[in-house]
Amino acid sequence: MPAKRTTIPLAVSVFLAGTPTTAQPIPRQEPVGAVRIAFDRKGETAVRAAGVADRATGRKLTADDPARIASISKLVVAIGVMRLVEAGTLDLDADISRWLGARLRNPAFPDAPITLRQLLSHTSSLTDTVDYVLPLDADMQAVLADPKAWDAEHAPGRFYRYANFNTPVVAAVMEKATGERFDLLMKRLVLDPFELDACYNWASCSAQAKARAVVQYRERQPTRDTRDMIAACPVAPASDGSCDLSKWQAGRNGAIFSPQGGLRISGRDLARIGRILLNGGELDGVRLLTPASVRTLLAPLWTYDGTNGEPEKGFLCRYGLATQVLATRQEGCRDDPFADGRPRVGHAGDAYGLKSGLWLDIARGTGVAYFATDVLDADTGIKSAFTRVEEELARNLRP
């Protein structure tokens, strides 16, 4: 049954549609709120925000309000991984069993090691056929021992299949290698050097950020990050309902802080992440990564050839280390929401009614960061496999 369509005030429609021809509301469901920031290597070039962050209070949405940014979280995790690679703490191509302290294998391919490069590029042969949202006290190794968690037909490194479960495994490796709790480690490695008021799963976010949280909606019903949700357990509670983070053990459960999608970050701070990458790993005199590491991060490792992976109806056709590359010239690919054929690198996000994107045109030195809440999956795009709202937010970009 199709979702019920409603109308919203013209102000939001003007922002999203871009070229309204009348003063009448557009008769379709628009997002509850949306933020879009265009930027170049030097700074922001255009900032727009429309709608509300919280329907219950009517609080207007701003570019400084943090949202659960969904799978762009993976890209930020990869930046943290590359920092540890540069420090010699991790190795992209080593068997991760050496850090986990237990042998990790696809049961169908027991001699094939699993590496960070495979996990970050979704070629590890892990799948999402088992639940990757694990309770606080879960033993992730026991979940990974289930053959149902793995692709029994394709060996590690041989086939692309997007799987959220890859990133909690990456987080577990990071914890075991450093002895630090994942969310705090990410603050040290990526967020704090640039004073980004962001966090994974709210546990380490400031009170000010929590007060500005963007509530997420699906068909106008809240799905994530209401005040009550934030005040409760910031992670998936233990199996007995308790929420004692002091019982955390390094590497036992890399899913606790939702590394695959749980980053809370504002549009403005997300744009700063983009500018770090546009500038080869440096921003405002602070160097986070070397240019070589940024190139490694953004380079495609998999390109769809018709048989070597799952392109999700043309949405995903090139992928690197937790980075998508757009505008693939291959039959069946519809991965260009900008509709201009230019290659861009970054990541999309989709969870709990939110759609997001961080896209960089490296050649031109420009980028865009955006998110919108309460986007209907049925509201398909015209030019691509992205939704209409994503296409409109993307195509407002000016070089």
Protein backbone atom coordinates (compact mmCIF):
# COMPACT_ATOMS: atom_id res chain seq x y z
CA MET A 1 0.00 0.00 0.00
CA PRO A 2 1.57 3.33 -1.03
CA ALA A 3 2.53 5.76 1.71
CA LYS A 4 0.13 8.61 2.34
CA ARG A 5 1.34 11.84 0.72
CA THR A 6 0.89 15.14 2.48
CA THR A 7 1.87 18.73 1.89
CA ILE A 8 4.18 21.05 3.74
CA PRO A 9 4.73 24.82 3.81
CA LEU A 10 6.16 26.38 0.69
CA ALA A 11 9.43 27.35 2.44
CA VAL A 12 10.60 23.75 2.59
CA SER A 13 9.37 22.98 -0.93
CA VAL A 14 11.24 25.97 -2.32
CA PHE A 15 14.51 24.73 -0.79
CA LEU A 16 14.12 21.15 -1.96
CA ALA A 17 12.48 21.59 -5.33
CA GLY A 18 14.84 24.41 -6.31
CA THR A 19 12.71 25.91 -9.09
CA PRO A 20 9.11 26.41 -7.94
CA THR A 21 6.88 28.10 -10.49
CA THR A 22 3.94 29.08 -8.27
CA ALA A 23 3.30 30.09 -4.69
CA GLN A 24 1.29 26.93 -4.08
CA PRO A 25 2.55 24.02 -1.95
CA ILE A 26 3.74 21.05 -3.96
CA PRO A 27 1.26 18.17 -3.42
CA ARG A 28 3.71 15.52 -2.27
CA GLN A 29 5.28 14.52 1.01
CA GLU A 30 8.40 16.49 1.68
CA PRO A 31 10.91 15.86 4.46
CA VAL A 32 10.24 17.10 7.96
CA GLY A 33 13.56 18.90 7.71
CA ALA A 34 16.61 19.17 5.49
CA VAL A 35 20.10 20.67 5.60
CA ARG A 36 22.43 21.21 2.68
CA ILE A 37 25.94 22.70 2.78
CA ALA A 38 28.08 23.28 -0.29
CA PHE A 39 31.78 23.82 0.27
CA ASP A 40 35.18 23.99 -1.33
CA ARG A 41 38.69 23.58 0.02
CA LYS A 42 38.59 27.01 1.70
CA GLY A 43 35.21 26.85 3.41
CA GLU A 44 31.44 26.82 3.06
CA THR A 45 30.02 28.34 -0.12
CA ALA A 46 26.29 27.94 0.55
CA VAL A 47 24.26 26.88 3.59
CA ARG A 48 20.55 26.08 3.66
CA ALA A 49 18.31 24.59 6.32
CA ALA A 50 14.55 24.13 6.24
CA GLY A 51 11.84 22.50 8.29
CA VAL A 52 12.03 21.44 11.90
CA ALA A 53 14.38 19.35 14.00
CA ASP A 54 11.60 18.26 16.36
CA ARG A 55 7.91 18.27 15.44
CA ALA A 56 6.86 17.95 19.08
CA THR A 57 8.37 21.32 20.01
CA GLY A 58 8.44 23.01 16.61
CA ARG A 59 12.17 23.67 16.99
CA LYS A 60 13.57 24.84 13.66
CA LEU A 61 16.32 22.83 12.04
CA THR A 62 19.73 24.49 11.68
CA ALA A 63 23.03 23.53 10.09
CA ASP A 64 24.48 22.99 13.57
CA ASP A 65 21.98 20.35 14.73
CA PRO A 66 23.34 16.78 14.89
CA ALA A 67 21.50 13.90 13.20
CA ARG A 68 22.11 10.18 13.08
CA ILE A 69 23.88 10.41 9.75
CA ALA A 70 23.50 6.68 8.85
CA SER A 71 26.10 4.98 6.65
CA ILE A 72 28.32 8.03 6.19
CA SER A 73 29.42 6.84 9.65
CA LYS A 74 31.37 4.10 7.87
CA LEU A 75 33.49 6.62 5.96
CA VAL A 76 34.40 8.38 9.21
CA VAL A 77 35.37 5.01 10.73
CA ALA A 78 37.64 4.41 7.74
CA ILE A 79 39.39 7.73 8.44
CA GLY A 80 40.05 6.46 11.97
CA VAL A 81 41.38 3.18 10.60
CA MET A 82 43.76 5.00 8.27
CA ARG A 83 45.12 7.00 11.22
CA LEU A 84 45.92 3.72 12.97
CA VAL A 85 47.46 2.34 9.78
CA GLU A 86 49.71 5.39 9.52
CA ALA A 87 50.74 4.88 13.15
CA GLY A 88 51.66 1.25 12.43
CA THR A 89 48.98 -0.02 14.82
CA LEU A 90 46.91 -1.66 12.07
CA ASP A 91 47.59 -3.16 8.65
CA LEU A 92 44.94 -3.11 5.93
CA ASP A 93 46.03 -6.46 4.48
CA ALA A 94 46.85 -8.53 7.57
CA ASP A 95 44.65 -11.30 8.91
CA ILE A 96 42.48 -9.55 11.52
CA SER A 97 42.58 -12.68 13.68
CA ARG A 98 45.90 -11.39 15.00
CA TRP A 99 44.10 -8.51 16.76
CA LEU A 100 40.86 -10.23 17.64
CA GLY A 101 42.71 -12.96 19.53
CA ALA A 102 40.60 -15.65 17.86
CA ARG A 103 40.57 -17.11 14.39
CA LEU A 104 37.93 -15.45 12.20
CA ARG A 105 36.98 -17.26 9.01
CA ASN A 106 34.12 -17.76 6.63
CA PRO A 107 33.27 -21.42 7.47
CA ALA A 108 32.91 -22.20 3.77
CA PHE A 109 36.45 -20.91 3.08
CA PRO A 110 38.45 -21.78 6.23
CA ASP A 111 41.85 -21.06 4.67
CA ALA A 112 41.04 -17.55 3.44
CA PRO A 113 42.00 -14.77 5.92
CA ILE A 114 39.75 -11.77 6.51
CA THR A 115 41.41 -8.35 6.25
CA LEU A 116 40.48 -4.77 7.08
CA ARG A 117 40.66 -3.88 3.39
CA GLN A 118 38.01 -6.52 2.67
CA LEU A 119 35.80 -5.43 5.57
CA LEU A 120 35.92 -1.74 4.62
CA SER A 121 35.27 -2.49 0.94
CA HIS A 122 32.43 -5.00 1.60
CA THR A 123 34.31 -7.85 -0.03
CA SER A 124 34.87 -9.84 3.18
CA SER A 125 32.02 -12.31 2.39
CA LEU A 126 30.15 -11.25 5.54
CA THR A 127 26.42 -10.68 5.05
CA ASP A 128 23.55 -9.06 6.93
CA THR A 129 21.52 -12.27 7.12
CA VAL A 130 22.02 -12.25 10.89
CA ASP A 131 21.26 -9.31 13.17
CA TYR A 132 24.21 -6.92 13.43
CA VAL A 133 22.45 -4.72 16.03
CA LEU A 134 23.67 -6.59 19.10
CA PRO A 135 22.79 -6.08 22.77
CA LEU A 136 25.38 -4.53 25.06
CA ASP A 137 26.43 -7.88 26.55
CA ALA A 138 26.61 -9.82 23.28
CA ASP A 139 29.63 -11.92 22.33
CA MET A 140 30.20 -10.91 18.70
CA GLN A 141 32.57 -13.82 18.09
CA ALA A 142 29.73 -16.23 18.82
CA VAL A 143 27.53 -14.45 16.28
CA LEU A 144 30.31 -14.53 13.69
CA ALA A 145 30.69 -18.29 14.23
CA ASP A 146 27.22 -18.80 12.74
CA PRO A 147 27.59 -19.92 9.09
CA LYS A 148 24.46 -17.90 8.28
CA ALA A 149 26.51 -14.73 8.79
CA TRP A 150 28.63 -15.58 5.75
CA ASP A 151 28.35 -15.93 1.98
CA ALA A 152 28.92 -19.63 1.32
CA GLU A 153 29.34 -19.13 -2.44
CA HIS A 154 32.03 -16.45 -2.67
CA ALA A 155 35.40 -16.44 -0.96
CA PRO A 156 36.69 -13.32 0.84
CA GLY A 157 38.00 -10.75 -1.62
CA ARG A 158 36.13 -12.21 -4.58
CA PHE A 159 32.68 -10.61 -4.49
CA TYR A 160 31.11 -7.31 -3.43
CA ARG A 161 28.07 -7.41 -1.17
CA TYR A 162 27.22 -4.43 1.01
CA ALA A 163 26.91 -5.65 4.61
CA ASN A 164 26.57 -3.44 7.68
CA PHE A 165 28.09 -6.18 9.83
CA ASN A 166 31.52 -5.46 8.36
CA THR A 167 31.88 -2.22 10.32
CA PRO A 168 31.25 -3.61 13.84
CA VAL A 169 34.01 -6.12 13.11
CA VAL A 170 36.28 -3.23 12.11
CA ALA A 171 35.38 -1.48 15.38
CA ALA A 172 36.24 -4.61 17.37
CA VAL A 173 39.66 -4.75 15.68
CA MET A 174 40.25 -1.08 16.50
CA GLU A 175 39.34 -1.66 20.15
CA LYS A 176 41.56 -4.73 20.50
CA ALA A 177 44.50 -2.99 18.83
CA THR A 178 44.30 0.10 21.05
CA GLY A 179 42.50 -1.02 24.22
CA GLU A 180 40.18 1.99 23.83
CA ARG A 181 36.39 2.08 23.70
CA PHE A 182 35.33 2.65 20.10
CA ASP A 183 33.35 5.87 20.55
CA LEU A 184 36.11 7.45 22.65
CA LEU A 185 38.76 6.24 20.23
CA MET A 186 36.93 7.89 17.33
CA LYS A 187 36.78 11.13 19.30
CA ARG A 188 40.53 11.01 19.84
CA LEU A 189 41.41 10.01 16.28
CA VAL A 190 38.98 12.05 14.18
CA LEU A 191 36.48 14.25 16.01
CA ASP A 192 38.45 16.06 18.72
CA PRO A 193 41.37 17.25 16.54
CA PHE A 194 38.88 19.51 14.73
CA GLU A 195 36.60 20.20 17.70
CA LEU A 196 33.66 18.44 16.06
CA ASP A 197 30.80 18.11 18.56
CA ALA A 198 29.86 14.66 17.29
CA CYS A 199 29.67 11.15 18.70
CA TYR A 200 28.67 7.57 18.09
CA ASN A 201 25.38 6.60 19.80
CA TRP A 202 25.23 9.71 22.04
CA ALA A 203 27.26 8.22 24.93
CA SER A 204 30.17 10.62 24.45
CA CYS A 205 28.32 13.63 23.02
CA SER A 206 28.07 16.91 24.88
CA ALA A 207 24.91 18.04 26.65
CA GLN A 208 24.66 20.87 24.12
CA ALA A 209 24.68 18.45 21.19
CA LYS A 210 22.04 16.26 22.82
CA ALA A 211 19.82 19.31 23.32
CA ARG A 212 20.05 20.09 19.58
CA ALA A 213 19.42 16.52 18.39
CA VAL A 214 17.47 16.05 15.18
CA VAL A 215 14.53 13.71 15.68
CA GLN A 216 14.14 11.24 12.83
CA TYR A 217 10.77 10.33 11.38
CA ARG A 218 9.06 7.87 9.11
CA GLU A 219 5.66 8.96 7.84
CA ARG A 220 5.69 11.69 10.48
CA GLN A 221 6.20 9.24 13.34
CA PRO A 222 9.45 9.50 15.35
CA THR A 223 11.90 6.65 14.81
CA ARG A 224 15.11 7.82 16.52
CA ASP A 225 16.53 10.42 18.88
CA THR A 226 13.58 11.88 20.70
CA ARG A 227 14.44 13.42 24.08
CA ASP A 228 13.18 10.31 25.88
CA MET A 229 15.34 8.04 23.72
CA ILE A 230 18.46 10.10 24.33
CA ALA A 231 17.82 10.19 28.09
CA ALA A 232 17.51 6.40 28.15
CA CYS A 233 20.29 3.92 27.37
CA PRO A 234 22.50 5.40 24.61
CA VAL A 235 23.23 1.93 23.18
CA ALA A 236 21.27 -1.29 22.66
CA PRO A 237 20.66 -2.48 26.27
CA ALA A 238 22.01 -5.78 27.57
CA SER A 239 19.86 -8.88 27.22
CA ASP A 240 18.50 -8.33 30.72
CA GLY A 241 17.58 -4.71 29.95
CA SER A 242 20.48 -3.19 31.89
CA CYS A 243 22.72 -0.45 30.54
CA ASP A 244 26.07 -0.52 32.35
CA LEU A 245 28.79 0.71 29.98
CA SER A 246 31.41 0.03 32.66
CA LYS A 247 31.14 -3.65 31.67
CA TRP A 248 32.54 -2.86 28.21
CA GLN A 249 35.39 -5.15 27.13
CA ALA A 250 37.70 -4.23 24.26
CA GLY A 251 36.75 -6.07 21.08
CA ARG A 252 34.07 -8.28 22.61
CA ASN A 253 31.22 -6.47 20.84
CA GLY A 254 32.14 -3.94 18.17
CA ALA A 255 28.47 -3.22 17.49
CA ILE A 256 27.80 -1.38 20.78
CA PHE A 257 28.26 2.14 19.38
CA SER A 258 26.76 1.47 15.92
CA PRO A 259 29.89 2.21 13.90
CA GLN A 260 27.98 1.27 10.75
CA GLY A 261 25.47 4.12 11.09
CA GLY A 262 25.36 5.67 14.55
CA LEU A 263 27.45 8.81 14.11
CA ARG A 264 25.57 11.90 15.32
CA ILE A 265 26.94 14.90 13.50
CA SER A 266 25.66 18.22 12.18
CA GLY A 267 25.61 19.17 8.53
CA ARG A 268 28.21 21.83 9.24
CA ASP A 269 30.63 19.38 10.90
CA LEU A 270 29.99 16.82 8.18
CA ALA A 271 31.07 19.41 5.63
CA ARG A 272 34.29 19.86 7.63
CA ILE A 273 34.94 16.12 7.28
CA GLY A 274 34.55 16.62 3.53
CA ARG A 275 36.96 19.55 3.52
CA ILE A 276 39.57 17.47 5.35
CA LEU A 277 39.47 14.97 2.50
CA LEU A 278 39.39 17.65 -0.20
CA ASN A 279 42.54 19.14 1.34
CA GLY A 280 44.43 15.86 1.33
CA GLY A 281 43.98 15.13 5.02
CA GLU A 282 44.54 18.61 6.47
CA LEU A 283 42.28 21.42 7.65
CA ASP A 284 42.98 24.74 9.36
CA GLY A 285 46.61 23.85 9.91
CA VAL A 286 45.83 20.48 11.51
CA ARG A 287 46.93 17.39 9.59
CA LEU A 288 44.87 14.27 10.16
CA LEU A 289 46.11 12.01 7.34
CA THR A 290 48.79 12.11 4.68
CA PRO A 291 47.69 12.78 1.10
CA ALA A 292 48.71 9.20 0.25
CA SER A 293 46.34 7.84 2.90
CA VAL A 294 43.50 9.97 1.56
CA ARG A 295 44.14 8.64 -1.95
CA THR A 296 44.08 5.09 -0.60
CA LEU A 297 40.83 5.81 1.21
CA LEU A 298 39.04 7.24 -1.82
CA ALA A 299 40.31 4.98 -4.61
CA PRO A 300 37.76 2.44 -5.88
CA LEU A 301 38.62 -1.17 -5.07
CA TRP A 302 35.58 -2.71 -6.71
CA THR A 303 33.80 -1.78 -9.91
CA TYR A 304 30.69 -3.61 -11.01
CA ASP A 305 31.22 -5.59 -14.22
CA GLY A 306 27.85 -7.32 -14.40
CA THR A 307 28.77 -10.42 -12.39
CA ASN A 308 31.21 -9.55 -9.59
CA GLY A 309 28.87 -8.10 -6.98
CA GLU A 310 25.46 -6.77 -6.02
CA PRO A 311 24.87 -3.22 -7.32
CA GLU A 312 21.54 -2.82 -5.50
CA LYS A 313 19.54 -1.88 -8.61
CA GLY A 314 22.35 0.32 -9.84
CA PHE A 315 22.72 2.33 -6.64
CA LEU A 316 26.22 0.98 -5.84
CA CYS A 317 28.61 0.33 -8.70
CA ARG A 318 32.04 1.43 -7.40
CA TYR A 319 33.36 1.20 -3.87
CA GLY A 320 36.63 1.86 -2.03
CA LEU A 321 37.50 1.88 1.66
CA ALA A 322 34.04 2.77 2.99
CA THR A 323 33.65 5.19 0.08
CA GLN A 324 31.29 5.17 -2.88
CA VAL A 325 32.29 6.50 -6.29
CA LEU A 326 29.49 7.92 -8.40
CA ALA A 327 28.67 8.08 -12.11
CA THR A 328 29.84 4.62 -13.17
CA ARG A 329 29.68 4.00 -16.90
CA GLN A 330 28.44 0.43 -16.85
CA GLU A 331 25.19 -1.08 -18.01
CA GLY A 332 22.78 -1.36 -15.10
CA CYS A 333 24.40 1.44 -13.06
CA ARG A 334 22.23 4.37 -11.97
CA ASP A 335 24.55 5.88 -9.40
CA ASP A 336 24.60 9.55 -10.39
CA PRO A 337 22.10 11.67 -8.42
CA PHE A 338 23.82 14.80 -9.81
CA ALA A 339 22.93 13.69 -13.36
CA ASP A 340 26.04 15.30 -14.85
CA GLY A 341 28.32 12.29 -15.36
CA ARG A 342 31.08 13.69 -13.14
CA PRO A 343 32.79 11.19 -10.82
CA ARG A 344 32.33 12.05 -7.15
CA VAL A 345 33.46 10.18 -4.08
CA GLY A 346 31.91 9.98 -0.63
CA HIS A 347 29.04 8.02 0.88
CA ALA A 348 25.27 7.93 1.08
CA GLY A 349 23.22 7.24 4.19
CA ASP A 350 19.79 5.67 4.64
CA ALA A 351 18.25 4.69 7.99
CA TYR A 352 15.14 5.33 10.08
CA GLY A 353 13.62 7.61 7.45
CA LEU A 354 16.75 9.74 7.01
CA LYS A 355 18.65 10.09 3.74
CA SER A 356 22.08 11.69 3.71
CA GLY A 357 25.04 12.28 1.45
CA LEU A 358 28.62 13.55 1.53
CA TRP A 359 30.03 13.93 -1.99
CA LEU A 360 33.32 15.35 -3.18
CA ASP A 361 34.28 16.43 -6.69
CA ILE A 362 38.01 16.05 -6.23
CA ALA A 363 38.93 17.49 -9.62
CA ARG A 364 36.99 20.71 -9.00
CA GLY A 365 37.76 20.88 -5.29
CA THR A 366 34.10 21.17 -4.31
CA GLY A 367 31.66 19.14 -2.26
CA VAL A 368 28.23 18.95 -0.69
CA ALA A 369 26.91 17.53 2.58
CA TYR A 370 23.21 17.04 3.15
CA PHE A 371 20.57 15.15 5.04
CA ALA A 372 16.79 15.07 5.12
CA THR A 373 14.41 13.42 7.56
CA ASP A 374 11.23 11.48 6.76
CA VAL A 375 12.09 10.64 3.17
CA LEU A 376 9.83 8.04 1.60
CA ASP A 377 11.61 5.09 -0.01
CA ALA A 378 8.76 4.94 -2.51
CA ASP A 379 9.55 8.48 -3.66
CA THR A 380 11.96 7.24 -6.30
CA GLY A 381 14.32 9.43 -8.25
CA ILE A 382 14.00 10.51 -11.86
CA LYS A 383 17.62 10.38 -12.98
CA SER A 384 19.11 7.69 -10.74
CA ALA A 385 18.57 4.93 -8.18
CA PHE A 386 18.60 7.58 -5.44
CA THR A 387 15.36 9.12 -4.18
CA ARG A 388 13.88 12.30 -5.62
CA VAL A 389 14.83 14.25 -2.49
CA GLU A 390 18.45 13.10 -2.73
CA GLU A 391 18.59 14.06 -6.39
CA GLU A 392 17.25 17.52 -5.62
CA LEU A 393 19.65 18.07 -2.75
CA ALA A 394 22.57 16.86 -4.89
CA ARG A 395 21.74 18.88 -8.01
CA ASN A 396 21.60 22.17 -6.13
CA LEU A 397 25.39 21.92 -5.95
CA ARG A 398 27.20 24.70 -7.81
CA PRO A 399 30.83 24.21 -8.84
